[in-house]
C-alpha atoms as a PDB file:
ATOM      1  CA  UNK A   1      15.768   5.972  18.941  1.00  0.00           C
ATOM      2  CA  UNK A   2      13.333   8.700  19.989  1.00  0.00           C
ATOM      3  CA  UNK A   3      10.323   7.920  22.100  1.00  0.00           C
ATOM      4  CA  UNK A   4       7.927   9.118  19.382  1.00  0.00           C
ATOM      5  CA  UNK A   5       9.486   6.843  16.763  1.00  0.00           C
ATOM      6  CA  UNK A   6       9.354   3.864  19.128  1.00  0.00           C
ATOM      7  CA  UNK A   7       5.699   4.629  19.883  1.00  0.00           C
ATOM      8  CA  UNK A   8       4.904   4.867  16.169  1.00  0.00           C
ATOM      9  CA  UNK A   9       6.632   1.568  15.397  1.00  0.00           C
ATOM     10  CA  UNK A  10       4.790  -0.115  18.257  1.00  0.00           C
ATOM     11  CA  UNK A  11       1.426   1.304  17.130  1.00  0.00           C
ATOM     12  CA  UNK A  12       2.063   0.345  13.499  1.00  0.00           C
ATOM     13  CA  UNK A  13       3.081  -3.187  14.453  1.00  0.00           C
ATOM     14  CA  UNK A  14      -0.140  -3.782  16.367  1.00  0.00           C
ATOM     15  CA  UNK A  15      -2.414  -2.954  13.423  1.00  0.00           C
ATOM     16  CA  UNK A  16      -4.107  -5.930  11.884  1.00  0.00           C
ATOM     17  CA  UNK A  17      -4.707  -6.155   8.160  1.00  0.00           C
ATOM     18  CA  UNK A  18      -8.162  -7.458   7.329  1.00  0.00           C
ATOM     19  CA  UNK A  19      -6.997  -9.256   4.180  1.00  0.00           C
ATOM     20  CA  UNK A  20      -5.651 -12.797   4.495  1.00  0.00           C
ATOM     21  CA  UNK A  21      -2.580 -13.213   2.266  1.00  0.00           C
ATOM     22  CA  UNK A  22      -2.355 -15.920  -0.364  1.00  0.00           C
ATOM     23  CA  UNK A  23       0.652 -18.201  -0.040  1.00  0.00           C
ATOM     24  CA  UNK A  24       3.110 -17.961  -2.900  1.00  0.00           C
ATOM     25  CA  UNK A  25       4.602 -21.359  -3.775  1.00  0.00           C
ATOM     26  CA  UNK A  26       8.324 -21.624  -3.119  1.00  0.00           C
ATOM     27  CA  UNK A  27       8.496 -18.230  -1.430  1.00  0.00           C
ATOM     28  CA  UNK A  28       9.371 -17.385   2.128  1.00  0.00           C
ATOM     29  CA  UNK A  29       6.893 -14.493   2.120  1.00  0.00           C
ATOM     30  CA  UNK A  30       3.299 -14.221   0.944  1.00  0.00           C
ATOM     31  CA  UNK A  31       2.888 -11.029  -1.115  1.00  0.00           C
ATOM     32  CA  UNK A  32      -0.492  -9.547  -1.997  1.00  0.00           C
ATOM     33  CA  UNK A  33      -0.922  -6.516  -4.264  1.00  0.00           C
ATOM     34  CA  UNK A  34      -4.419  -5.094  -3.847  1.00  0.00           C
ATOM     35  CA  UNK A  35      -6.335  -1.820  -4.058  1.00  0.00           C
ATOM     36  CA  UNK A  36      -6.423   0.129  -0.822  1.00  0.00           C
ATOM     37  CA  UNK A  37      -9.788   0.552   0.850  1.00  0.00           C
ATOM     38  CA  UNK A  38     -11.095   3.077   3.354  1.00  0.00           C
ATOM     39  CA  UNK A  39     -10.229   0.603   6.113  1.00  0.00           C
ATOM     40  CA  UNK A  40      -6.572   0.929   5.067  1.00  0.00           C
ATOM     41  CA  UNK A  41      -6.440   4.709   5.653  1.00  0.00           C
ATOM     42  CA  UNK A  42      -4.889   4.481   9.146  1.00  0.00           C
ATOM     43  CA  UNK A  43      -2.337   1.954   7.886  1.00  0.00           C
ATOM     44  CA  UNK A  44      -1.413   4.159   4.932  1.00  0.00           C
ATOM     45  CA  UNK A  45      -1.058   7.194   7.180  1.00  0.00           C
ATOM     46  CA  UNK A  46       1.197   5.231   9.525  1.00  0.00           C
ATOM     47  CA  UNK A  47       3.216   3.932   6.590  1.00  0.00           C
ATOM     48  CA  UNK A  48       3.658   7.489   5.249  1.00  0.00           C
ATOM     49  CA  UNK A  49       4.693   8.663   8.693  1.00  0.00           C
ATOM     50  CA  UNK A  50       7.294   5.892   8.954  1.00  0.00           C
ATOM     51  CA  UNK A  51       8.582   6.865   5.497  1.00  0.00           C
ATOM     52  CA  UNK A  52       8.696  10.565   6.497  1.00  0.00           C
ATOM     53  CA  UNK A  53       6.383  11.330   3.564  1.00  0.00           C
ATOM     54  CA  UNK A  54       3.027  12.953   3.060  1.00  0.00           C
ATOM     55  CA  UNK A  55       0.108  10.513   2.889  1.00  0.00           C
ATOM     56  CA  UNK A  56      -0.923   9.326  -0.564  1.00  0.00           C
ATOM     57  CA  UNK A  57      -3.751  11.174  -2.294  1.00  0.00           C
ATOM     58  CA  UNK A  58      -6.487   9.351  -4.196  1.00  0.00           C
ATOM     59  CA  UNK A  59      -6.575   5.703  -5.198  1.00  0.00           C
ATOM     60  CA  UNK A  60      -3.680   3.494  -4.151  1.00  0.00           C
ATOM     61  CA  UNK A  61      -2.367  -0.044  -4.385  1.00  0.00           C
ATOM     62  CA  UNK A  62      -0.923  -1.708  -1.298  1.00  0.00           C
ATOM     63  CA  UNK A  63       1.746  -4.400  -1.097  1.00  0.00           C
ATOM     64  CA  UNK A  64       0.902  -6.592   1.883  1.00  0.00           C
ATOM     65  CA  UNK A  65       3.631  -9.037   2.895  1.00  0.00           C
ATOM     66  CA  UNK A  66       2.781 -11.735   5.419  1.00  0.00           C
ATOM     67  CA  UNK A  67      -0.287  -9.762   6.502  1.00  0.00           C
ATOM     68  CA  UNK A  68       1.481  -6.396   6.979  1.00  0.00           C
ATOM     69  CA  UNK A  69       1.618  -3.423   4.600  1.00  0.00           C
ATOM     70  CA  UNK A  70       5.185  -2.888   3.405  1.00  0.00           C
ATOM     71  CA  UNK A  71       4.588  -0.379   0.610  1.00  0.00           C
ATOM     72  CA  UNK A  72       1.893   1.553  -1.233  1.00  0.00           C
ATOM     73  CA  UNK A  73       1.747   3.245  -4.630  1.00  0.00           C
ATOM     74  CA  UNK A  74      -0.573   6.187  -5.313  1.00  0.00           C
ATOM     75  CA  UNK A  75      -2.377   5.851  -8.618  1.00  0.00           C
ATOM     76  CA  UNK A  76      -3.346   9.531  -8.791  1.00  0.00           C
ATOM     77  CA  UNK A  77      -0.173  11.208  -7.551  1.00  0.00           C
ATOM     78  CA  UNK A  78       2.208   8.422  -8.707  1.00  0.00           C
ATOM     79  CA  UNK A  79       4.148   8.410  -5.418  1.00  0.00           C
ATOM     80  CA  UNK A  80       5.421   5.429  -3.468  1.00  0.00           C
ATOM     81  CA  UNK A  81       5.675   5.072   0.294  1.00  0.00           C
ATOM     82  CA  UNK A  82       7.407   2.126   1.938  1.00  0.00           C
ATOM     83  CA  UNK A  83       8.377   0.844   5.359  1.00  0.00           C
ATOM     84  CA  UNK A  84      12.034   1.826   5.812  1.00  0.00           C
ATOM     85  CA  UNK A  85      12.514  -0.862   8.472  1.00  0.00           C
ATOM     86  CA  UNK A  86      11.772  -3.736   6.083  1.00  0.00           C
ATOM     87  CA  UNK A  87      13.427  -4.884   2.849  1.00  0.00           C
ATOM     88  CA  UNK A  88      10.620  -3.380   0.766  1.00  0.00           C
ATOM     89  CA  UNK A  89      12.433  -2.800  -2.566  1.00  0.00           C
ATOM     90  CA  UNK A  90      10.954  -5.962  -4.114  1.00  0.00           C
ATOM     91  CA  UNK A  91       7.455  -5.015  -2.942  1.00  0.00           C
ATOM     92  CA  UNK A  92       7.878  -1.563  -4.501  1.00  0.00           C
ATOM     93  CA  UNK A  93       9.023  -3.203  -7.726  1.00  0.00           C
ATOM     94  CA  UNK A  94       5.907  -5.396  -7.775  1.00  0.00           C
ATOM     95  CA  UNK A  95       3.715  -2.351  -7.151  1.00  0.00           C
ATOM     96  CA  UNK A  96       5.315  -0.457 -10.037  1.00  0.00           C
ATOM     97  CA  UNK A  97       4.875  -3.474 -12.300  1.00  0.00           C
ATOM     98  CA  UNK A  98       1.182  -3.768 -11.384  1.00  0.00           C
ATOM     99  CA  UNK A  99       0.572  -0.043 -11.883  1.00  0.00           C
ATOM    100  CA  UNK A 100       2.162  -0.343 -15.329  1.00  0.00           C
ATOM    101  CA  UNK A 101      -0.147  -3.254 -16.138  1.00  0.00           C
ATOM    102  CA  UNK A 102      -3.205  -1.328 -14.985  1.00  0.00           C
ATOM    103  CA  UNK A 103      -2.240   1.734 -17.012  1.00  0.00           C
ATOM    104  CA  UNK A 104      -1.690  -0.391 -20.108  1.00  0.00           C
ATOM    105  CA  UNK A 105      -5.089  -2.016 -19.575  1.00  0.00           C
ATOM    106  CA  UNK A 106      -6.665   1.408 -19.054  1.00  0.00           C
ATOM    107  CA  UNK A 107      -5.817   2.424 -22.596  1.00  0.00           C
ATOM    108  CA  UNK A 108      -7.563  -0.712 -23.846  1.00  0.00           C
ATOM    109  CA  UNK A 109     -10.591  -0.837 -21.483  1.00  0.00           C
ATOM    110  CA  UNK A 110     -11.415   2.268 -19.427  1.00  0.00           C
ATOM    111  CA  UNK A 111     -14.079   0.294 -17.536  1.00  0.00           C
ATOM    112  CA  UNK A 112     -11.433  -1.876 -15.839  1.00  0.00           C
ATOM    113  CA  UNK A 113      -9.713   1.209 -14.453  1.00  0.00           C
ATOM    114  CA  UNK A 114     -13.024   2.561 -13.182  1.00  0.00           C
ATOM    115  CA  UNK A 115     -13.653  -0.704 -11.358  1.00  0.00           C
ATOM    116  CA  UNK A 116     -10.305  -0.363  -9.591  1.00  0.00           C
ATOM    117  CA  UNK A 117     -11.024   3.268  -8.772  1.00  0.00           C
ATOM    118  CA  UNK A 118     -14.332   2.264  -7.150  1.00  0.00           C
ATOM    119  CA  UNK A 119     -12.313   1.203  -4.085  1.00  0.00           C
ATOM    120  CA  UNK A 120     -10.581   4.599  -3.909  1.00  0.00           C
ATOM    121  CA  UNK A 121      -9.004   5.935  -0.763  1.00  0.00           C
ATOM    122  CA  UNK A 122      -9.348   9.687  -0.508  1.00  0.00           C
ATOM    123  CA  UNK A 123      -7.017  11.778   1.601  1.00  0.00           C
ATOM    124  CA  UNK A 124      -9.916  14.126   2.294  1.00  0.00           C
ATOM    125  CA  UNK A 125     -11.630  11.345   4.272  1.00  0.00           C
ATOM    126  CA  UNK A 126      -8.522  10.927   6.420  1.00  0.00           C
ATOM    127  CA  UNK A 127      -8.621  11.198  10.181  1.00  0.00           C
END
């Protein structure tokens, strides 16, 4: 493994997520799907770098598993980034399900979507 990749993995692993996960009954992992905030920008950039992708643009949802971000779904650009070193397929599936729910709700109540967008993460405010 290259030195840069090792350094990135080490830096990413040290980041603390401010949100405390909720325990899911009967599950070995606690999974939280939540809107990304400005405090999550460095985590999302690191996650995109691990995934060899461009950072997400606009509002995003984050899948946090056991206190660490495993995947994120951009609501504006409809892209997904995920940690390739973790079994993140289920987290991505949950993100896609939640985005589908939010889009269905948006057609019924536009105010609910605006409330979610209030916590937007903008790429322009990135590092």
